[in-house]
Amino acid sequence: MDSPFIESFNGKLRDGCLNDHWFLSLKHSKDIIENWRIEYNEVRPQSSLGDKTPYEFVKEHQSML
């Protein structure tokens, strides 16, 4: 275990994406993984943001300015 952060991410990528899809081509795999990346980074609630999505977090903090 070189890095617990990388190990954690690898597990999330495998559980949330790689185990669910059978890739038919390189383009297909890039499309699927990009969709997962967007979901993971932009759509899902994140505990570090108080269980808000990044969009909700930004909107909340913009209104405070």
C-alpha atoms as a PDB file:
ATOM      1  CA  MET A   1       0.000   0.000   0.000  1.00  0.00           C
ATOM      2  CA  ASP A   2       1.986   2.953  -1.277  1.00  0.00           C
ATOM      3  CA  SER A   3      -0.744   5.529  -0.901  1.00  0.00           C
ATOM      4  CA  PRO A   4      -4.052   5.053   0.891  1.00  0.00           C
ATOM      5  CA  PHE A   5      -5.603   7.848  -1.208  1.00  0.00           C
ATOM      6  CA  ILE A   6      -4.740   6.108  -4.490  1.00  0.00           C
ATOM      7  CA  GLU A   7      -5.856   2.745  -3.131  1.00  0.00           C
ATOM      8  CA  SER A   8      -9.164   4.270  -2.047  1.00  0.00           C
ATOM      9  CA  PHE A   9      -9.693   5.900  -5.444  1.00  0.00           C
ATOM     10  CA  ASN A  10      -8.811   2.691  -7.284  1.00  0.00           C
ATOM     11  CA  GLY A  11     -11.421   0.821  -5.243  1.00  0.00           C
ATOM     12  CA  LYS A  12     -14.068   3.446  -5.987  1.00  0.00           C
ATOM     13  CA  LEU A  13     -13.241   3.409  -9.706  1.00  0.00           C
ATOM     14  CA  ARG A  14     -13.387  -0.385  -9.793  1.00  0.00           C
ATOM     15  CA  ASP A  15     -16.621  -0.633  -7.766  1.00  0.00           C
ATOM     16  CA  GLY A  16     -18.380   2.295  -9.416  1.00  0.00           C
ATOM     17  CA  CYS A  17     -17.334   1.828 -13.010  1.00  0.00           C
ATOM     18  CA  LEU A  18     -15.001  -0.951 -14.087  1.00  0.00           C
ATOM     19  CA  ASN A  19     -16.933  -3.852 -12.540  1.00  0.00           C
ATOM     20  CA  ASP A  20     -20.175  -2.657 -14.157  1.00  0.00           C
ATOM     21  CA  HIS A  21     -19.061  -2.322 -17.776  1.00  0.00           C
ATOM     22  CA  TRP A  22     -17.704  -4.485 -20.557  1.00  0.00           C
ATOM     23  CA  PHE A  23     -15.659  -2.205 -22.790  1.00  0.00           C
ATOM     24  CA  LEU A  24     -16.051  -2.863 -26.498  1.00  0.00           C
ATOM     25  CA  SER A  25     -13.385  -0.453 -27.757  1.00  0.00           C
ATOM     26  CA  LEU A  26     -10.945   2.164 -26.542  1.00  0.00           C
ATOM     27  CA  LYS A  27     -13.401   4.942 -27.451  1.00  0.00           C
ATOM     28  CA  HIS A  28     -16.205   3.165 -25.586  1.00  0.00           C
ATOM     29  CA  SER A  29     -14.019   2.814 -22.485  1.00  0.00           C
ATOM     30  CA  LYS A  30     -13.001   6.497 -22.636  1.00  0.00           C
ATOM     31  CA  ASP A  31     -16.656   7.561 -22.915  1.00  0.00           C
ATOM     32  CA  ILE A  32     -17.782   5.372 -20.006  1.00  0.00           C
ATOM     33  CA  ILE A  33     -14.896   6.413 -17.758  1.00  0.00           C
ATOM     34  CA  GLU A  34     -15.374  10.111 -18.615  1.00  0.00           C
ATOM     35  CA  ASN A  35     -19.069   9.878 -17.705  1.00  0.00           C
ATOM     36  CA  TRP A  36     -18.120   8.214 -14.422  1.00  0.00           C
ATOM     37  CA  ARG A  37     -15.477  10.904 -13.749  1.00  0.00           C
ATOM     38  CA  ILE A  38     -18.034  13.672 -14.236  1.00  0.00           C
ATOM     39  CA  GLU A  39     -20.495  11.894 -11.941  1.00  0.00           C
ATOM     40  CA  TYR A  40     -17.802  11.260  -9.319  1.00  0.00           C
ATOM     41  CA  ASN A  41     -16.377  14.799  -9.332  1.00  0.00           C
ATOM     42  CA  GLU A  42     -19.368  16.990 -10.122  1.00  0.00           C
ATOM     43  CA  VAL A  43     -22.667  15.272  -9.386  1.00  0.00           C
ATOM     44  CA  ARG A  44     -22.341  13.005  -6.351  1.00  0.00           C
ATOM     45  CA  PRO A  45     -22.549  14.526  -2.864  1.00  0.00           C
ATOM     46  CA  GLN A  46     -19.141  14.742  -1.212  1.00  0.00           C
ATOM     47  CA  SER A  47     -18.589  14.373   2.502  1.00  0.00           C
ATOM     48  CA  SER A  48     -15.802  16.975   2.426  1.00  0.00           C
ATOM     49  CA  LEU A  49     -18.405  19.522   1.237  1.00  0.00           C
ATOM     50  CA  GLY A  50     -20.949  18.724   3.923  1.00  0.00           C
ATOM     51  CA  ASP A  51     -22.656  16.055   1.782  1.00  0.00           C
ATOM     52  CA  LYS A  52     -23.405  18.605  -0.929  1.00  0.00           C
ATOM     53  CA  THR A  53     -22.593  18.311  -4.608  1.00  0.00           C
ATOM     54  CA  PRO A  54     -19.844  20.656  -5.809  1.00  0.00           C
ATOM     55  CA  TYR A  55     -22.515  22.635  -7.681  1.00  0.00           C
ATOM     56  CA  GLU A  56     -24.616  23.060  -4.532  1.00  0.00           C
ATOM     57  CA  PHE A  57     -21.544  24.021  -2.511  1.00  0.00           C
ATOM     58  CA  VAL A  58     -20.466  26.706  -5.011  1.00  0.00           C
ATOM     59  CA  LYS A  59     -23.992  28.113  -5.315  1.00  0.00           C
ATOM     60  CA  GLU A  60     -24.345  28.301  -1.537  1.00  0.00           C
ATOM     61  CA  HIS A  61     -21.041  30.115  -1.127  1.00  0.00           C
ATOM     62  CA  GLN A  62     -21.603  32.492  -4.050  1.00  0.00           C
ATOM     63  CA  SER A  63     -24.780  33.722  -2.401  1.00  0.00           C
ATOM     64  CA  MET A  64     -22.751  34.627   0.703  1.00  0.00           C
ATOM     65  CA  LEU A  65     -20.579  37.104  -1.212  1.00  0.00           C
END
